[in-house]
Protein backbone atom coordinates (compact mmCIF):
# COMPACT_ATOMS: atom_id res chain seq x y z
CA MET A 1 -0.05 -0.20 0.38
CA PRO A 2 1.23 3.62 -0.84
CA PRO A 3 2.60 5.47 2.14
CA ASP A 4 0.99 8.82 0.55
CA ALA A 5 -2.50 6.61 -0.02
CA ASP A 6 -5.69 8.52 1.59
CA PRO A 7 -7.28 7.18 4.75
CA VAL A 8 -9.94 5.58 2.85
CA GLU A 9 -7.88 3.84 0.60
CA LYS A 10 -5.67 2.58 2.60
CA LEU A 11 -8.81 1.55 4.96
CA VAL A 12 -10.38 -0.26 2.05
CA GLY A 13 -6.69 -1.90 1.43
CA PHE A 14 -6.77 -3.42 5.00
CA GLY A 15 -10.49 -5.13 3.88
CA VAL A 16 -12.32 -2.39 6.86
CA LEU A 17 -13.94 -0.55 4.37
CA SER A 18 -16.29 -1.40 1.33
CA ALA A 19 -15.83 2.17 -0.45
CA ASP A 20 -17.71 2.13 -3.84
CA PRO A 21 -17.28 5.36 -5.46
CA GLY A 22 -20.45 7.90 -4.66
CA ASP A 23 -21.48 5.90 -1.82
CA ASP A 24 -20.22 6.77 2.23
CA PRO A 25 -17.53 4.44 3.71
CA ALA A 26 -18.51 1.63 5.31
CA LEU A 27 -17.60 -1.05 7.58
CA THR A 28 -17.36 -4.34 5.97
CA PRO A 29 -19.46 -7.61 7.25
CA SER A 30 -16.11 -9.70 7.63
CA PHE A 31 -14.18 -6.48 9.38
CA ARG A 32 -17.28 -5.29 11.86
CA ALA A 33 -17.79 -9.03 12.95
CA ALA A 34 -14.08 -9.62 14.00
CA TRP A 35 -13.91 -6.02 15.43
CA HIS A 36 -17.12 -6.31 17.80
CA GLU A 37 -16.09 -10.01 18.76
CA THR A 38 -12.49 -8.37 20.06
CA ALA A 39 -14.16 -5.68 21.28
CA GLU A 40 -16.36 -7.76 23.38
CA THR A 41 -13.51 -9.65 24.99
CA LEU A 42 -11.53 -6.68 26.02
CA ALA A 43 -14.27 -4.71 27.34
CA GLY A 44 -15.51 -7.95 29.29
CA ASP A 45 -12.15 -8.36 30.55
CA PRO A 46 -10.23 -5.84 32.62
CA GLU A 47 -6.85 -7.69 32.21
CA ALA A 48 -7.25 -8.44 28.51
CA LEU A 49 -7.61 -5.13 28.17
CA ASP A 50 -4.62 -4.14 30.03
CA ARG A 51 -2.44 -6.80 28.20
CA ALA A 52 -3.95 -5.36 24.75
CA ALA A 53 -2.85 -1.94 25.88
CA ALA A 54 0.42 -2.49 26.88
CA THR A 55 1.44 -4.90 23.52
CA VAL A 56 -0.03 -1.99 21.26
CA THR A 57 1.31 0.97 23.20
CA THR A 58 4.99 -0.43 23.55
CA GLY A 59 5.48 -3.91 22.28
CA ASP A 60 6.32 -4.75 25.44
CA ARG A 61 4.71 -5.45 28.86
CA PRO A 62 6.14 -2.07 31.48
CA ARG A 63 3.38 -1.56 33.94
CA ILE A 64 0.60 0.09 32.47
CA THR A 65 -1.86 1.87 34.15
CA VAL A 66 -5.70 3.01 32.56
CA ALA A 67 -7.22 5.48 34.73
CA GLU A 68 -10.74 7.29 34.05
CA SER A 69 -11.71 10.75 34.65
CA ASP A 70 -14.84 12.40 34.42
CA ALA A 71 -12.94 15.99 33.03
CA ASP A 72 -10.48 14.18 30.60
CA GLY A 73 -11.77 10.82 29.29
CA VAL A 74 -9.37 7.96 29.98
CA VAL A 75 -6.02 8.41 30.08
CA MET A 76 -3.65 5.65 29.69
CA ARG A 77 0.00 5.44 31.18
CA ALA A 78 2.68 3.15 30.66
CA ASP A 79 5.74 3.00 33.83
CA GLY A 80 4.13 7.00 34.65
CA SER A 81 4.26 8.19 31.33
CA TRP A 82 1.30 9.62 29.40
CA VAL A 83 0.64 7.37 26.50
CA GLY A 84 -2.51 8.43 25.67
CA GLN A 85 -5.77 9.59 25.58
CA TRP A 86 -9.36 8.88 24.79
CA PRO A 87 -13.15 10.34 25.13
CA SER A 88 -14.04 7.40 27.00
CA ARG A 89 -13.53 3.78 28.03
CA THR A 90 -15.59 2.80 24.94
CA ALA A 91 -13.47 4.76 23.07
CA LEU A 92 -10.08 3.05 24.46
CA VAL A 93 -11.67 -0.51 23.71
CA ALA A 94 -12.90 0.53 20.15
CA ASP A 95 -9.28 1.50 19.52
CA LEU A 96 -7.55 -1.64 21.24
CA ALA A 97 -10.04 -3.76 18.95
CA THR A 98 -8.75 -2.38 15.86
CA GLU A 99 -5.00 -3.00 16.79
CA ARG A 100 -5.96 -6.45 17.35
CA THR A 101 -8.02 -6.97 14.67
CA LEU A 102 -5.99 -5.78 12.35
CA ALA A 103 -2.71 -6.94 13.71
CA GLY A 104 -0.57 -8.17 11.10
CA PRO A 105 2.81 -6.64 9.11
CA ALA A 106 1.31 -3.93 7.20
CA TRP A 107 -0.73 -2.22 9.85
CA ASP A 108 2.22 -3.14 12.26
CA ALA A 109 4.56 -1.33 9.46
CA LEU A 110 2.57 1.83 10.11
CA GLY A 111 3.53 4.53 12.21
CA ARG A 112 1.43 4.55 15.73
CA ALA A 113 0.29 8.43 15.04
CA GLU A 114 -0.82 7.07 11.68
CA ARG A 115 -2.75 3.62 13.15
CA VAL A 116 -4.29 6.15 15.99
CA ASP A 117 -5.61 8.33 12.94
CA LEU A 118 -7.23 5.21 11.42
CA ALA A 119 -8.53 4.06 14.60
CA ALA A 120 -10.14 7.19 15.25
CA ARG A 121 -11.44 6.81 12.14
CA ILE A 122 -13.03 3.89 12.62
CA ARG A 123 -14.51 4.51 15.80
CA GLY A 124 -16.54 7.58 13.64
CA LEU A 125 -18.24 4.81 11.23
CA VAL A 126 -19.34 1.76 13.95
CA GLU A 127 -22.92 2.11 14.26
CA GLN A 128 -22.79 -0.16 17.15
CA CYS A 129 -21.44 0.42 20.92
CA PRO A 130 -18.39 -1.89 21.31
CA THR A 131 -19.10 -2.41 25.18
CA CYS A 132 -22.96 -2.12 25.10
CA ARG A 133 -23.60 -2.71 21.92
CA GLY A 134 -26.08 0.52 21.49
CA PRO A 135 -27.05 2.64 18.49
CA THR A 136 -24.23 4.74 18.20
CA ARG A 137 -25.01 8.57 16.79
CA VAL A 138 -23.84 11.36 15.42
CA SER A 139 -24.57 14.98 16.17
CA ASP A 140 -23.72 18.50 15.96
CA GLU A 141 -22.11 19.60 19.06
CA THR A 142 -20.15 22.64 21.07
CA VAL A 143 -17.61 21.67 23.25
CA GLU A 144 -16.09 24.67 25.45
CA SER A 145 -12.37 24.93 27.12
CA CYS A 146 -11.12 27.54 29.74
CA CYS A 147 -10.82 29.73 26.32
CA HIS A 148 -12.63 28.99 23.99
CA THR A 149 -15.85 27.04 22.27
CA THR A 150 -15.47 24.71 19.55
CA ALA A 151 -17.90 23.05 17.37
CA VAL A 152 -17.55 19.24 16.39
CA ILE A 153 -19.25 16.58 15.17
CA ALA A 154 -19.36 14.05 17.84
CA VAL A 155 -20.14 9.65 17.77
CA SER A 156 -22.23 8.59 21.07
CA CYS A 157 -23.21 5.44 21.85
CA ALA A 158 -27.58 5.94 21.84
CA ASP A 159 -27.85 3.98 25.00
CA CYS A 160 -24.91 4.16 27.62
CA GLY A 161 -23.88 8.23 26.11
CA ASP A 162 -19.91 7.33 25.70
CA ARG A 163 -18.61 9.31 23.73
CA LEU A 164 -16.68 7.13 20.90
CA ALA A 165 -14.70 9.71 18.52
CA GLU A 166 -14.95 13.86 18.03
CA PHE A 167 -14.33 15.11 14.61
CA ASP A 168 -13.77 18.92 13.33
CA PRO A 169 -16.79 19.56 10.77
CA SER A 170 -15.40 19.00 7.43
CA PRO A 171 -17.19 18.85 4.21
CA SER A 172 -15.91 15.24 3.76
CA PRO A 173 -18.26 12.19 4.52
CA PHE A 174 -15.17 11.11 6.29
CA ALA A 175 -13.76 14.08 8.31
CA PRO A 176 -10.42 13.43 9.44
CA GLY A 177 -9.80 13.03 13.48
CA SER A 178 -8.05 15.58 15.07
């Protein structure tokens, strides 16, 4: 796969998306089934989640800490150092399910930043919550911080309310993660 391929082309190449010209990208049935099976395993077993996090983030097994915070979502640390942050535990489960489902030489050859970006895009396309299997919904929202407000497109579970992803509004049907 060419390194300069756009994200849709890359995900089609990995068998994640079926993107017919003119159609919005959608997860392939085979990827969706494998991804949900993996997510269900990770969501139901905190030790499996920790093992997956350790393997994906560092390739070895340092002491991983996954801490939830109402204000900041979920923060992951490896041996005390910040590794990543997600809007919810559900988003972390989703990304780790993506990593596990796509694990292999081609996926592993991508840089970590690119894998994180592609995983966020996948989170934006899932139609069922990876932890409770409720339907996801897409909404326009405003996020406030100390200094400004920002319009975002949010993907959340309609049943449990967990946030899976936030994207900058874009005219693209497959907006990049930010």
